[in-house]
Amino acid sequence: MFAPSHFTAVLLFATFASVVFGITQRSTPRAMLRYGLFCWVSFVGVVIAASWLMFFIRR
């Protein structure tokens, strides 16, 4: 059975969501790739920032 960690689940979600966003929101392949990468970095960055915020709130 596949039981990913929380971080692995975030990476999988960010990857699949970014692919969908890139394909559906832009028209040229170059723009699709750039927007997909932007979305991926945004997803992962926000999750890392939120996890640090929760870590310091808990302390």
N, C-alpha and C. Protein backbone atom coordinates (compact mmCIF):
# COMPACT_ATOMS: atom_id res chain seq x y z
N MET A 1 0.84 -1.18 0.00
CA MET A 1 0.00 0.00 0.00
C MET A 1 0.89 1.24 0.00
N PHE A 2 0.48 2.23 -0.77
CA PHE A 2 1.23 3.48 -0.88
C PHE A 2 0.75 4.43 0.21
N ALA A 3 1.65 4.78 1.13
CA ALA A 3 1.31 5.69 2.22
C ALA A 3 2.38 6.78 2.28
N PRO A 4 2.22 7.84 1.47
CA PRO A 4 3.25 8.88 1.44
C PRO A 4 3.25 9.73 2.70
N SER A 5 4.38 10.35 2.96
CA SER A 5 4.45 11.30 4.07
C SER A 5 3.68 12.56 3.67
N HIS A 6 3.52 13.46 4.61
CA HIS A 6 2.79 14.69 4.30
C HIS A 6 3.51 15.50 3.23
N PHE A 7 4.82 15.57 3.33
CA PHE A 7 5.58 16.34 2.35
C PHE A 7 5.51 15.72 0.96
N THR A 8 5.57 14.40 0.89
CA THR A 8 5.44 13.72 -0.40
C THR A 8 4.06 13.97 -1.00
N ALA A 9 3.04 13.95 -0.16
CA ALA A 9 1.69 14.23 -0.64
C ALA A 9 1.58 15.66 -1.18
N VAL A 10 2.24 16.59 -0.51
CA VAL A 10 2.24 17.98 -0.98
C VAL A 10 2.93 18.08 -2.33
N LEU A 11 4.07 17.41 -2.47
CA LEU A 11 4.79 17.44 -3.75
C LEU A 11 3.96 16.82 -4.88
N LEU A 12 3.28 15.72 -4.60
CA LEU A 12 2.42 15.10 -5.62
C LEU A 12 1.27 16.02 -6.00
N PHE A 13 0.61 16.59 -5.00
CA PHE A 13 -0.49 17.50 -5.29
C PHE A 13 -0.01 18.71 -6.08
N ALA A 14 1.11 19.29 -5.66
CA ALA A 14 1.64 20.46 -6.36
C ALA A 14 1.98 20.13 -7.80
N THR A 15 2.54 18.96 -8.03
CA THR A 15 2.90 18.56 -9.39
C THR A 15 1.67 18.39 -10.27
N PHE A 16 0.69 17.63 -9.80
CA PHE A 16 -0.49 17.39 -10.63
C PHE A 16 -1.32 18.65 -10.83
N ALA A 17 -1.49 19.44 -9.78
CA ALA A 17 -2.26 20.68 -9.90
C ALA A 17 -1.56 21.67 -10.83
N SER A 18 -0.24 21.76 -10.74
CA SER A 18 0.50 22.68 -11.59
C SER A 18 0.44 22.27 -13.06
N VAL A 19 0.48 20.99 -13.32
CA VAL A 19 0.34 20.53 -14.71
C VAL A 19 -1.03 20.93 -15.26
N VAL A 20 -2.07 20.70 -14.49
CA VAL A 20 -3.41 21.06 -14.93
C VAL A 20 -3.55 22.56 -15.11
N PHE A 21 -3.07 23.33 -14.14
CA PHE A 21 -3.16 24.80 -14.24
C PHE A 21 -2.38 25.30 -15.45
N GLY A 22 -1.18 24.79 -15.66
CA GLY A 22 -0.38 25.23 -16.79
C GLY A 22 -1.04 24.94 -18.12
N ILE A 23 -1.62 23.75 -18.26
CA ILE A 23 -2.26 23.37 -19.52
C ILE A 23 -3.54 24.16 -19.76
N THR A 24 -4.32 24.37 -18.72
CA THR A 24 -5.63 24.99 -18.92
C THR A 24 -5.60 26.51 -18.91
N GLN A 25 -4.56 27.12 -18.34
CA GLN A 25 -4.57 28.57 -18.18
C GLN A 25 -3.73 29.32 -19.21
N ARG A 26 -2.88 28.65 -19.94
CA ARG A 26 -2.02 29.31 -20.92
C ARG A 26 -2.14 28.63 -22.27
N SER A 27 -1.76 29.36 -23.34
CA SER A 27 -2.00 28.83 -24.69
C SER A 27 -0.75 28.31 -25.38
N THR A 28 0.41 28.86 -25.11
CA THR A 28 1.62 28.38 -25.77
C THR A 28 2.39 27.44 -24.86
N PRO A 29 3.13 26.48 -25.43
CA PRO A 29 3.88 25.54 -24.59
C PRO A 29 4.86 26.21 -23.64
N ARG A 30 5.54 27.25 -24.09
CA ARG A 30 6.49 27.95 -23.22
C ARG A 30 5.77 28.60 -22.05
N ALA A 31 4.64 29.24 -22.32
CA ALA A 31 3.87 29.88 -21.25
C ALA A 31 3.29 28.83 -20.30
N MET A 32 2.88 27.68 -20.85
CA MET A 32 2.37 26.60 -20.01
C MET A 32 3.43 26.13 -19.03
N LEU A 33 4.64 25.94 -19.52
CA LEU A 33 5.73 25.46 -18.68
C LEU A 33 6.08 26.48 -17.61
N ARG A 34 6.20 27.75 -18.00
CA ARG A 34 6.55 28.79 -17.04
C ARG A 34 5.48 28.95 -15.97
N TYR A 35 4.21 28.93 -16.38
CA TYR A 35 3.13 29.08 -15.41
C TYR A 35 3.03 27.86 -14.51
N GLY A 36 3.23 26.67 -15.08
CA GLY A 36 3.22 25.45 -14.28
C GLY A 36 4.32 25.46 -13.23
N LEU A 37 5.52 25.90 -13.62
CA LEU A 37 6.62 25.99 -12.65
C LEU A 37 6.33 27.05 -11.59
N PHE A 38 5.75 28.18 -12.00
CA PHE A 38 5.38 29.21 -11.03
C PHE A 38 4.38 28.66 -10.02
N CYS A 39 3.37 27.95 -10.50
CA CYS A 39 2.37 27.37 -9.59
C CYS A 39 3.00 26.35 -8.66
N TRP A 40 3.89 25.51 -9.18
CA TRP A 40 4.52 24.48 -8.36
C TRP A 40 5.35 25.11 -7.24
N VAL A 41 6.16 26.10 -7.58
CA VAL A 41 6.98 26.79 -6.58
C VAL A 41 6.08 27.49 -5.56
N SER A 42 4.99 28.07 -6.03
CA SER A 42 4.07 28.75 -5.12
C SER A 42 3.43 27.77 -4.15
N PHE A 43 2.93 26.65 -4.65
CA PHE A 43 2.32 25.63 -3.78
C PHE A 43 3.30 25.17 -2.72
N VAL A 44 4.48 24.76 -3.14
CA VAL A 44 5.46 24.22 -2.20
C VAL A 44 5.95 25.30 -1.24
N GLY A 45 6.19 26.49 -1.74
CA GLY A 45 6.64 27.59 -0.89
C GLY A 45 5.64 27.96 0.18
N VAL A 46 4.38 28.03 -0.19
CA VAL A 46 3.34 28.38 0.78
C VAL A 46 3.21 27.28 1.84
N VAL A 47 3.30 26.04 1.43
CA VAL A 47 3.20 24.94 2.41
C VAL A 47 4.38 24.97 3.37
N ILE A 48 5.57 25.21 2.88
CA ILE A 48 6.74 25.27 3.76
C ILE A 48 6.62 26.46 4.72
N ALA A 49 6.21 27.61 4.20
CA ALA A 49 6.04 28.79 5.06
C ALA A 49 4.95 28.55 6.11
N ALA A 50 3.85 27.94 5.71
CA ALA A 50 2.77 27.67 6.66
C ALA A 50 3.20 26.66 7.72
N SER A 51 4.00 25.67 7.32
CA SER A 51 4.45 24.68 8.31
C SER A 51 5.39 25.32 9.33
N TRP A 52 6.26 26.24 8.91
CA TRP A 52 7.12 26.94 9.86
C TRP A 52 6.28 27.83 10.77
N LEU A 53 5.29 28.49 10.21
CA LEU A 53 4.41 29.33 11.01
C LEU A 53 3.70 28.50 12.08
N MET A 54 3.17 27.35 11.69
CA MET A 54 2.50 26.47 12.67
C MET A 54 3.47 25.97 13.71
N PHE A 55 4.73 25.70 13.31
CA PHE A 55 5.74 25.24 14.25
C PHE A 55 5.99 26.30 15.33
N PHE A 56 6.11 27.57 14.92
CA PHE A 56 6.38 28.63 15.89
C PHE A 56 5.15 28.99 16.71
N ILE A 57 3.98 28.84 16.15
CA ILE A 57 2.75 29.10 16.93
C ILE A 57 2.61 28.05 18.03
N ARG A 58 2.94 26.82 17.72
CA ARG A 58 2.81 25.74 18.70
C ARG A 58 3.77 25.89 19.86
N ARG A 59 4.93 26.46 19.61
CA ARG A 59 5.96 26.60 20.66
C ARG A 59 5.54 27.63 21.61
